[in-house]
Amino acid sequence: MRSGNPVLKDDTFNVPSVAGEETMTIQGTVWKSWALLALVVMAGSWSWKNPELVMRSYLVWALAGLGVAIATIIKKTWAPVTAPLYAALQGVTLGAISMMFEMRFPGIVMQAVILTFGTLGALLLAYQSGWIKVTQNFRLGLFAATFGIMLTYLVNFGMSFFGKSIPLIHQASPMGIAFSGVVVIIAALNLVMDFDFIEQGAGSGAPKYMEWFGAFGLMVTLIWLYLEILHLMSKIASRNK
């Protein structure tokens, strides 16, 4: 069993529980996911309203969020503390990034938010209804696609030090838009994998703190999806100008 999400891997929920200790539940994970989402929104709103405090240092907030995410992955028992901290840091970062897009394309942020939540709701319904089956081939294919995207972004990041970039990632050409469209689909399907992993974790009797870790993993994918939707919509808006 493998997910494209680097947070939720094969052995994520292979955590020994103590006899008599409360165990992870789906409902508990859902409530903690809502709590993290609320933190992202509140921190993002603060950042949005105070752009002068954030714009010049949003990369610092982003790197801090990445550091907290890595710490959470390495030390899952820290998740009850680090997951909310990650959500707050990412919220500040997203607020700044969103403001940059909004200044160039007015109205784009609200559209991206609606599409992100709409996608989340639609895929959750499809998963719960059994319309999307998480088979082994589905897992392997999604993992390969996600890994390919991450590798592409990593190569592009390396090229940026030499003033170069991969055109598909940034250009608003038909191929560039198609590339972003595929990335959005892959990011969205990773939500289905996250649902499946959380369900498996609850069924395996993982410790209670893993609810925070499962919610954290879901938030990582949701934030990625929002950013990719924002990127895709900006390409389409650029082309329509």
C-alpha atoms as a PDB file:
ATOM      1  CA  MET A   1       0.000   0.000   0.000  1.00  0.00           C
ATOM      2  CA  ARG A   2       1.518   3.329  -1.080  1.00  0.00           C
ATOM      3  CA  SER A   3       0.239   6.895  -1.449  1.00  0.00           C
ATOM      4  CA  GLY A   4       1.647   9.681  -3.586  1.00  0.00           C
ATOM      5  CA  ASN A   5       1.514  11.838  -0.471  1.00  0.00           C
ATOM      6  CA  PRO A   6       5.027  11.761   1.062  1.00  0.00           C
ATOM      7  CA  VAL A   7       3.452  12.042   4.519  1.00  0.00           C
ATOM      8  CA  LEU A   8       1.296   8.914   4.248  1.00  0.00           C
ATOM      9  CA  LYS A   9       3.523   5.977   3.287  1.00  0.00           C
ATOM     10  CA  ASP A  10       3.367   2.179   3.516  1.00  0.00           C
ATOM     11  CA  ASP A  11       4.351   2.029   7.165  1.00  0.00           C
ATOM     12  CA  THR A  12       2.739   5.269   8.343  1.00  0.00           C
ATOM     13  CA  PHE A  13       0.236   3.605  10.650  1.00  0.00           C
ATOM     14  CA  ASN A  14       2.461   0.703  11.712  1.00  0.00           C
ATOM     15  CA  VAL A  15       2.784   2.278  15.132  1.00  0.00           C
ATOM     16  CA  PRO A  16       2.505   0.101  18.228  1.00  0.00           C
ATOM     17  CA  SER A  17      -0.334   1.026  20.581  1.00  0.00           C
ATOM     18  CA  VAL A  18      -0.346   0.596  24.332  1.00  0.00           C
ATOM     19  CA  ALA A  19      -2.925  -1.662  25.934  1.00  0.00           C
ATOM     20  CA  GLY A  20      -5.847   0.397  27.213  1.00  0.00           C
ATOM     21  CA  GLU A  21      -4.776   3.459  25.216  1.00  0.00           C
ATOM     22  CA  GLU A  22      -7.345   5.270  23.069  1.00  0.00           C
ATOM     23  CA  THR A  23      -7.006   4.492  19.382  1.00  0.00           C
ATOM     24  CA  MET A  24      -7.396   6.473  16.188  1.00  0.00           C
ATOM     25  CA  THR A  25     -10.886   6.914  14.745  1.00  0.00           C
ATOM     26  CA  ILE A  26     -12.139   8.338  11.451  1.00  0.00           C
ATOM     27  CA  GLN A  27     -14.422  10.781  13.269  1.00  0.00           C
ATOM     28  CA  GLY A  28     -11.559  12.018  15.414  1.00  0.00           C
ATOM     29  CA  THR A  29      -9.409  12.545  12.344  1.00  0.00           C
ATOM     30  CA  VAL A  30     -12.215  14.433  10.611  1.00  0.00           C
ATOM     31  CA  TRP A  31     -12.605  16.849  13.529  1.00  0.00           C
ATOM     32  CA  LYS A  32      -8.855  17.418  13.695  1.00  0.00           C
ATOM     33  CA  SER A  33      -8.770  18.004   9.935  1.00  0.00           C
ATOM     34  CA  TRP A  34     -11.408  20.709  10.355  1.00  0.00           C
ATOM     35  CA  ALA A  35      -9.369  22.224  13.187  1.00  0.00           C
ATOM     36  CA  LEU A  36      -6.238  22.379  11.005  1.00  0.00           C
ATOM     37  CA  LEU A  37      -8.221  23.812   8.115  1.00  0.00           C
ATOM     38  CA  ALA A  38      -9.616  26.511  10.412  1.00  0.00           C
ATOM     39  CA  LEU A  39      -6.064  27.405  11.447  1.00  0.00           C
ATOM     40  CA  VAL A  40      -4.989  27.644   7.804  1.00  0.00           C
ATOM     41  CA  VAL A  41      -7.923  29.951   7.032  1.00  0.00           C
ATOM     42  CA  MET A  42      -7.392  32.162  10.099  1.00  0.00           C
ATOM     43  CA  ALA A  43      -3.641  32.496   9.507  1.00  0.00           C
ATOM     44  CA  GLY A  44      -4.249  33.098   5.809  1.00  0.00           C
ATOM     45  CA  SER A  45      -6.807  35.815   6.606  1.00  0.00           C
ATOM     46  CA  TRP A  46      -4.325  37.549   8.907  1.00  0.00           C
ATOM     47  CA  SER A  47      -1.649  37.378   6.223  1.00  0.00           C
ATOM     48  CA  TRP A  48      -4.100  38.670   3.606  1.00  0.00           C
ATOM     49  CA  LYS A  49      -4.981  41.681   5.771  1.00  0.00           C
ATOM     50  CA  ASN A  50      -1.342  42.441   6.642  1.00  0.00           C
ATOM     51  CA  PRO A  51       0.514  41.974   3.334  1.00  0.00           C
ATOM     52  CA  GLU A  52       3.196  44.504   4.211  1.00  0.00           C
ATOM     53  CA  LEU A  53       4.299  42.282   7.112  1.00  0.00           C
ATOM     54  CA  VAL A  54       4.395  39.095   5.068  1.00  0.00           C
ATOM     55  CA  MET A  55       5.216  39.766   1.427  1.00  0.00           C
ATOM     56  CA  ARG A  56       8.925  40.336   1.969  1.00  0.00           C
ATOM     57  CA  SER A  57       9.345  37.280   4.182  1.00  0.00           C
ATOM     58  CA  TYR A  58       6.819  34.733   2.939  1.00  0.00           C
ATOM     59  CA  LEU A  59       9.634  32.417   1.849  1.00  0.00           C
ATOM     60  CA  VAL A  60      10.812  32.316   5.469  1.00  0.00           C
ATOM     61  CA  TRP A  61       7.317  31.283   6.569  1.00  0.00           C
ATOM     62  CA  ALA A  62       7.232  28.662   3.818  1.00  0.00           C
ATOM     63  CA  LEU A  63      10.611  27.198   4.820  1.00  0.00           C
ATOM     64  CA  ALA A  64       9.556  27.184   8.474  1.00  0.00           C
ATOM     65  CA  GLY A  65       6.425  25.263   7.474  1.00  0.00           C
ATOM     66  CA  LEU A  66       8.549  22.794   5.513  1.00  0.00           C
ATOM     67  CA  GLY A  67      10.826  22.303   8.533  1.00  0.00           C
ATOM     68  CA  VAL A  68       7.852  21.638  10.807  1.00  0.00           C
ATOM     69  CA  ALA A  69       6.416  19.204   8.247  1.00  0.00           C
ATOM     70  CA  ILE A  70       9.678  17.244   8.122  1.00  0.00           C
ATOM     71  CA  ALA A  71       9.817  17.154  11.926  1.00  0.00           C
ATOM     72  CA  THR A  72       6.236  15.826  11.995  1.00  0.00           C
ATOM     73  CA  ILE A  73       7.040  13.087   9.502  1.00  0.00           C
ATOM     74  CA  ILE A  74      10.149  12.029  11.437  1.00  0.00           C
ATOM     75  CA  LYS A  75       8.520  12.202  14.871  1.00  0.00           C
ATOM     76  CA  LYS A  76       4.843  11.309  14.541  1.00  0.00           C
ATOM     77  CA  THR A  77       4.243  11.612  18.292  1.00  0.00           C
ATOM     78  CA  TRP A  78       4.801  15.358  17.928  1.00  0.00           C
ATOM     79  CA  ALA A  79       1.837  15.676  15.555  1.00  0.00           C
ATOM     80  CA  PRO A  80      -0.638  17.073  18.171  1.00  0.00           C
ATOM     81  CA  VAL A  81       1.686  20.102  18.447  1.00  0.00           C
ATOM     82  CA  THR A  82       3.453  20.294  15.100  1.00  0.00           C
ATOM     83  CA  ALA A  83       0.377  19.698  12.902  1.00  0.00           C
ATOM     84  CA  PRO A  84      -1.385  22.878  14.160  1.00  0.00           C
ATOM     85  CA  LEU A  85       1.905  24.782  13.903  1.00  0.00           C
ATOM     86  CA  TYR A  86       2.318  23.585  10.310  1.00  0.00           C
ATOM     87  CA  ALA A  87      -1.242  24.678   9.490  1.00  0.00           C
ATOM     88  CA  ALA A  88      -0.636  28.155  10.912  1.00  0.00           C
ATOM     89  CA  LEU A  89       2.673  28.621   9.074  1.00  0.00           C
ATOM     90  CA  GLN A  90       1.223  27.391   5.804  1.00  0.00           C
ATOM     91  CA  GLY A  91      -1.787  29.627   6.280  1.00  0.00           C
ATOM     92  CA  VAL A  92       0.454  32.691   6.511  1.00  0.00           C
ATOM     93  CA  THR A  93       2.341  31.560   3.410  1.00  0.00           C
ATOM     94  CA  LEU A  94      -0.841  30.864   1.443  1.00  0.00           C
ATOM     95  CA  GLY A  95      -2.257  34.255   2.382  1.00  0.00           C
ATOM     96  CA  ALA A  96       0.788  35.987   0.910  1.00  0.00           C
ATOM     97  CA  ILE A  97       0.861  33.837  -2.238  1.00  0.00           C
ATOM     98  CA  SER A  98      -2.878  34.271  -2.732  1.00  0.00           C
ATOM     99  CA  MET A  99      -2.558  38.048  -2.437  1.00  0.00           C
ATOM    100  CA  MET A 100       0.098  38.046  -5.173  1.00  0.00           C
ATOM    101  CA  PHE A 101      -2.229  36.165  -7.522  1.00  0.00           C
ATOM    102  CA  GLU A 102      -5.216  38.330  -6.552  1.00  0.00           C
ATOM    103  CA  MET A 103      -3.371  41.560  -7.346  1.00  0.00           C
ATOM    104  CA  ARG A 104      -2.691  40.289 -10.844  1.00  0.00           C
ATOM    105  CA  PHE A 105      -6.004  38.496 -11.448  1.00  0.00           C
ATOM    106  CA  PRO A 106      -8.803  39.975  -9.280  1.00  0.00           C
ATOM    107  CA  GLY A 107     -11.309  37.356  -8.118  1.00  0.00           C
ATOM    108  CA  ILE A 108      -9.071  34.376  -8.817  1.00  0.00           C
ATOM    109  CA  VAL A 109      -8.510  33.421  -5.175  1.00  0.00           C
ATOM    110  CA  MET A 110     -12.181  32.975  -4.289  1.00  0.00           C
ATOM    111  CA  GLN A 111     -12.687  30.891  -7.414  1.00  0.00           C
ATOM    112  CA  ALA A 112      -9.705  28.694  -6.496  1.00  0.00           C
ATOM    113  CA  VAL A 113     -10.988  28.263  -2.933  1.00  0.00           C
ATOM    114  CA  ILE A 114     -14.451  27.241  -4.166  1.00  0.00           C
ATOM    115  CA  LEU A 115     -12.978  24.777  -6.661  1.00  0.00           C
ATOM    116  CA  THR A 116     -10.692  23.287  -4.003  1.00  0.00           C
ATOM    117  CA  PHE A 117     -13.505  22.694  -1.516  1.00  0.00           C
ATOM    118  CA  GLY A 118     -15.802  21.509  -4.297  1.00  0.00           C
ATOM    119  CA  THR A 119     -13.196  18.962  -5.396  1.00  0.00           C
ATOM    120  CA  LEU A 120     -12.664  17.814  -1.807  1.00  0.00           C
ATOM    121  CA  GLY A 121     -16.404  17.317  -1.264  1.00  0.00           C
ATOM    122  CA  ALA A 122     -16.957  15.586  -4.599  1.00  0.00           C
ATOM    123  CA  LEU A 123     -14.072  13.143  -4.123  1.00  0.00           C
ATOM    124  CA  LEU A 124     -15.076  12.370  -0.536  1.00  0.00           C
ATOM    125  CA  LEU A 125     -18.600  11.570  -1.751  1.00  0.00           C
ATOM    126  CA  ALA A 126     -17.225   9.456  -4.599  1.00  0.00           C
ATOM    127  CA  TYR A 127     -14.946   7.557  -2.198  1.00  0.00           C
ATOM    128  CA  GLN A 128     -17.641   6.943   0.406  1.00  0.00           C
ATOM    129  CA  SER A 129     -20.092   5.839  -2.286  1.00  0.00           C
ATOM    130  CA  GLY A 130     -17.581   3.404  -3.743  1.00  0.00           C
ATOM    131  CA  TRP A 131     -17.498   5.131  -7.111  1.00  0.00           C
ATOM    132  CA  ILE A 132     -13.718   5.319  -6.895  1.00  0.00           C
ATOM    133  CA  LYS A 133     -12.008   2.070  -5.941  1.00  0.00           C
ATOM    134  CA  VAL A 134      -8.529   2.277  -4.412  1.00  0.00           C
ATOM    135  CA  THR A 135      -6.948  -0.778  -5.999  1.00  0.00           C
ATOM    136  CA  GLN A 136      -3.296  -1.736  -6.002  1.00  0.00           C
ATOM    137  CA  ASN A 137      -2.941  -0.598  -9.620  1.00  0.00           C
ATOM    138  CA  PHE A 138      -4.566   2.730  -8.698  1.00  0.00           C
ATOM    139  CA  ARG A 139      -2.044   3.197  -5.892  1.00  0.00           C
ATOM    140  CA  LEU A 140       0.949   2.307  -8.032  1.00  0.00           C
ATOM    141  CA  GLY A 141      -0.140   4.486 -10.947  1.00  0.00           C
ATOM    142  CA  LEU A 142      -0.864   7.470  -8.731  1.00  0.00           C
ATOM    143  CA  PHE A 143       2.418   7.076  -6.877  1.00  0.00           C
ATOM    144  CA  ALA A 144       4.353   6.982 -10.167  1.00  0.00           C
ATOM    145  CA  ALA A 145       2.527  10.060 -11.499  1.00  0.00           C
ATOM    146  CA  THR A 146       3.020  12.021  -8.276  1.00  0.00           C
ATOM    147  CA  PHE A 147       6.688  11.087  -8.101  1.00  0.00           C
ATOM    148  CA  GLY A 148       7.134  12.207 -11.712  1.00  0.00           C
ATOM    149  CA  ILE A 149       5.558  15.586 -10.957  1.00  0.00           C
ATOM    150  CA  MET A 150       7.675  16.114  -7.854  1.00  0.00           C
ATOM    151  CA  LEU A 151      10.815  15.165  -9.795  1.00  0.00           C
ATOM    152  CA  THR A 152       9.884  17.646 -12.527  1.00  0.00           C
ATOM    153  CA  TYR A 153       9.437  20.414  -9.961  1.00  0.00           C
ATOM    154  CA  LEU A 154      12.734  19.496  -8.307  1.00  0.00           C
ATOM    155  CA  VAL A 155      14.581  19.682 -11.627  1.00  0.00           C
ATOM    156  CA  ASN A 156      12.923  23.022 -12.351  1.00  0.00           C
ATOM    157  CA  PHE A 157      14.020  24.309  -8.947  1.00  0.00           C
ATOM    158  CA  GLY A 158      17.598  23.283  -9.697  1.00  0.00           C
ATOM    159  CA  MET A 159      17.458  24.959 -13.116  1.00  0.00           C
ATOM    160  CA  SER A 160      16.246  28.196 -11.529  1.00  0.00           C
ATOM    161  CA  PHE A 161      19.707  28.722 -10.015  1.00  0.00           C
ATOM    162  CA  PHE A 162      21.010  29.048 -13.580  1.00  0.00           C
ATOM    163  CA  GLY A 163      18.200  31.321 -14.751  1.00  0.00           C
ATOM    164  CA  LYS A 164      16.424  28.507 -16.581  1.00  0.00           C
ATOM    165  CA  SER A 165      13.058  26.790 -16.136  1.00  0.00           C
ATOM    166  CA  ILE A 166      10.863  24.096 -17.634  1.00  0.00           C
ATOM    167  CA  PRO A 167       8.407  25.951 -19.938  1.00  0.00           C
ATOM    168  CA  LEU A 168       5.464  23.648 -19.214  1.00  0.00           C
ATOM    169  CA  ILE A 169       5.418  24.658 -15.555  1.00  0.00           C
ATOM    170  CA  HIS A 170       5.145  28.416 -16.040  1.00  0.00           C
ATOM    171  CA  GLN A 171       3.990  29.201 -19.572  1.00  0.00           C
ATOM    172  CA  ALA A 172       0.318  29.840 -20.371  1.00  0.00           C
ATOM    173  CA  SER A 173       0.570  27.956 -23.649  1.00  0.00           C
ATOM    174  CA  PRO A 174      -1.956  25.202 -24.469  1.00  0.00           C
ATOM    175  CA  MET A 175       0.627  22.607 -23.426  1.00  0.00           C
ATOM    176  CA  GLY A 176       1.391  24.527 -20.232  1.00  0.00           C
ATOM    177  CA  ILE A 177      -2.302  24.685 -19.346  1.00  0.00           C
ATOM    178  CA  ALA A 178      -2.692  20.986 -20.143  1.00  0.00           C
ATOM    179  CA  PHE A 179       0.272  20.167 -17.890  1.00  0.00           C
ATOM    180  CA  SER A 180      -1.220  22.132 -14.993  1.00  0.00           C
ATOM    181  CA  GLY A 181      -4.575  20.450 -15.614  1.00  0.00           C
ATOM    182  CA  VAL A 182      -2.962  17.020 -15.296  1.00  0.00           C
ATOM    183  CA  VAL A 183      -1.165  18.079 -12.101  1.00  0.00           C
ATOM    184  CA  VAL A 184      -4.474  19.266 -10.601  1.00  0.00           C
ATOM    185  CA  ILE A 185      -6.053  15.891 -11.392  1.00  0.00           C
ATOM    186  CA  ILE A 186      -3.129  14.015  -9.808  1.00  0.00           C
ATOM    187  CA  ALA A 187      -3.250  16.233  -6.713  1.00  0.00           C
ATOM    188  CA  ALA A 188      -7.005  15.693  -6.425  1.00  0.00           C
ATOM    189  CA  LEU A 189      -6.704  11.908  -6.725  1.00  0.00           C
ATOM    190  CA  ASN A 190      -4.164  11.965  -3.912  1.00  0.00           C
ATOM    191  CA  LEU A 191      -7.018  13.105  -1.682  1.00  0.00           C
ATOM    192  CA  VAL A 192      -8.702   9.766  -2.382  1.00  0.00           C
ATOM    193  CA  MET A 193      -5.535   7.983  -1.338  1.00  0.00           C
ATOM    194  CA  ASP A 194      -5.451  10.047   1.843  1.00  0.00           C
ATOM    195  CA  PHE A 195      -9.045   9.051   2.647  1.00  0.00           C
ATOM    196  CA  ASP A 196      -8.104   5.403   2.162  1.00  0.00           C
ATOM    197  CA  PHE A 197      -4.981   5.657   4.318  1.00  0.00           C
ATOM    198  CA  ILE A 198      -6.871   7.349   7.140  1.00  0.00           C
ATOM    199  CA  GLU A 199      -9.534   4.662   7.001  1.00  0.00           C
ATOM    200  CA  GLN A 200      -6.873   1.962   7.109  1.00  0.00           C
ATOM    201  CA  GLY A 201      -5.154   3.689  10.020  1.00  0.00           C
ATOM    202  CA  ALA A 202      -8.376   3.812  12.030  1.00  0.00           C
ATOM    203  CA  GLY A 203      -9.013   0.155  11.241  1.00  0.00           C
ATOM    204  CA  SER A 204      -5.542  -0.866  12.364  1.00  0.00           C
ATOM    205  CA  GLY A 205      -6.010   0.522  15.885  1.00  0.00           C
ATOM    206  CA  ALA A 206      -3.269   3.160  15.585  1.00  0.00           C
ATOM    207  CA  PRO A 207      -2.654   5.360  18.661  1.00  0.00           C
ATOM    208  CA  LYS A 208      -4.885   8.403  19.206  1.00  0.00           C
ATOM    209  CA  TYR A 209      -2.178  10.916  18.274  1.00  0.00           C
ATOM    210  CA  MET A 210      -2.195   9.479  14.764  1.00  0.00           C
ATOM    211  CA  GLU A 211      -5.473  11.323  14.206  1.00  0.00           C
ATOM    212  CA  TRP A 212      -3.422  14.519  14.157  1.00  0.00           C
ATOM    213  CA  PHE A 213      -0.912  12.905  11.820  1.00  0.00           C
ATOM    214  CA  GLY A 214      -3.646  11.713   9.458  1.00  0.00           C
ATOM    215  CA  ALA A 215      -5.208  15.189   9.463  1.00  0.00           C
ATOM    216  CA  PHE A 216      -1.769  16.666   8.798  1.00  0.00           C
ATOM    217  CA  GLY A 217      -1.272  14.385   5.787  1.00  0.00           C
ATOM    218  CA  LEU A 218      -4.662  15.355   4.385  1.00  0.00           C
ATOM    219  CA  MET A 219      -3.841  19.039   4.849  1.00  0.00           C
ATOM    220  CA  VAL A 220      -0.566  18.653   2.917  1.00  0.00           C
ATOM    221  CA  THR A 221      -2.487  17.332  -0.095  1.00  0.00           C
ATOM    222  CA  LEU A 222      -5.282  19.899   0.191  1.00  0.00           C
ATOM    223  CA  ILE A 223      -2.804  22.798   0.249  1.00  0.00           C
ATOM    224  CA  TRP A 224      -0.975  21.331  -2.757  1.00  0.00           C
ATOM    225  CA  LEU A 225      -4.305  21.017  -4.617  1.00  0.00           C
ATOM    226  CA  TYR A 226      -5.245  24.637  -3.878  1.00  0.00           C
ATOM    227  CA  LEU A 227      -1.894  25.939  -5.127  1.00  0.00           C
ATOM    228  CA  GLU A 228      -2.115  23.881  -8.315  1.00  0.00           C
ATOM    229  CA  ILE A 229      -5.671  25.078  -9.000  1.00  0.00           C
ATOM    230  CA  LEU A 230      -4.524  28.668  -8.429  1.00  0.00           C
ATOM    231  CA  HIS A 231      -1.619  28.116 -10.825  1.00  0.00           C
ATOM    232  CA  LEU A 232      -3.851  26.572 -13.491  1.00  0.00           C
ATOM    233  CA  MET A 233      -6.421  29.351 -13.250  1.00  0.00           C
ATOM    234  CA  SER A 234      -3.723  32.016 -13.495  1.00  0.00           C
ATOM    235  CA  LYS A 235      -2.492  30.442 -16.738  1.00  0.00           C
ATOM    236  CA  ILE A 236      -5.994  30.436 -18.172  1.00  0.00           C
ATOM    237  CA  ALA A 237      -6.558  34.042 -17.049  1.00  0.00           C
ATOM    238  CA  SER A 238      -3.242  35.119 -18.606  1.00  0.00           C
ATOM    239  CA  ARG A 239      -4.211  33.556 -21.903  1.00  0.00           C
ATOM    240  CA  ASN A 240      -7.638  35.237 -21.885  1.00  0.00           C
ATOM    241  CA  LYS A 241      -6.230  38.735 -21.254  1.00  0.00           C
END
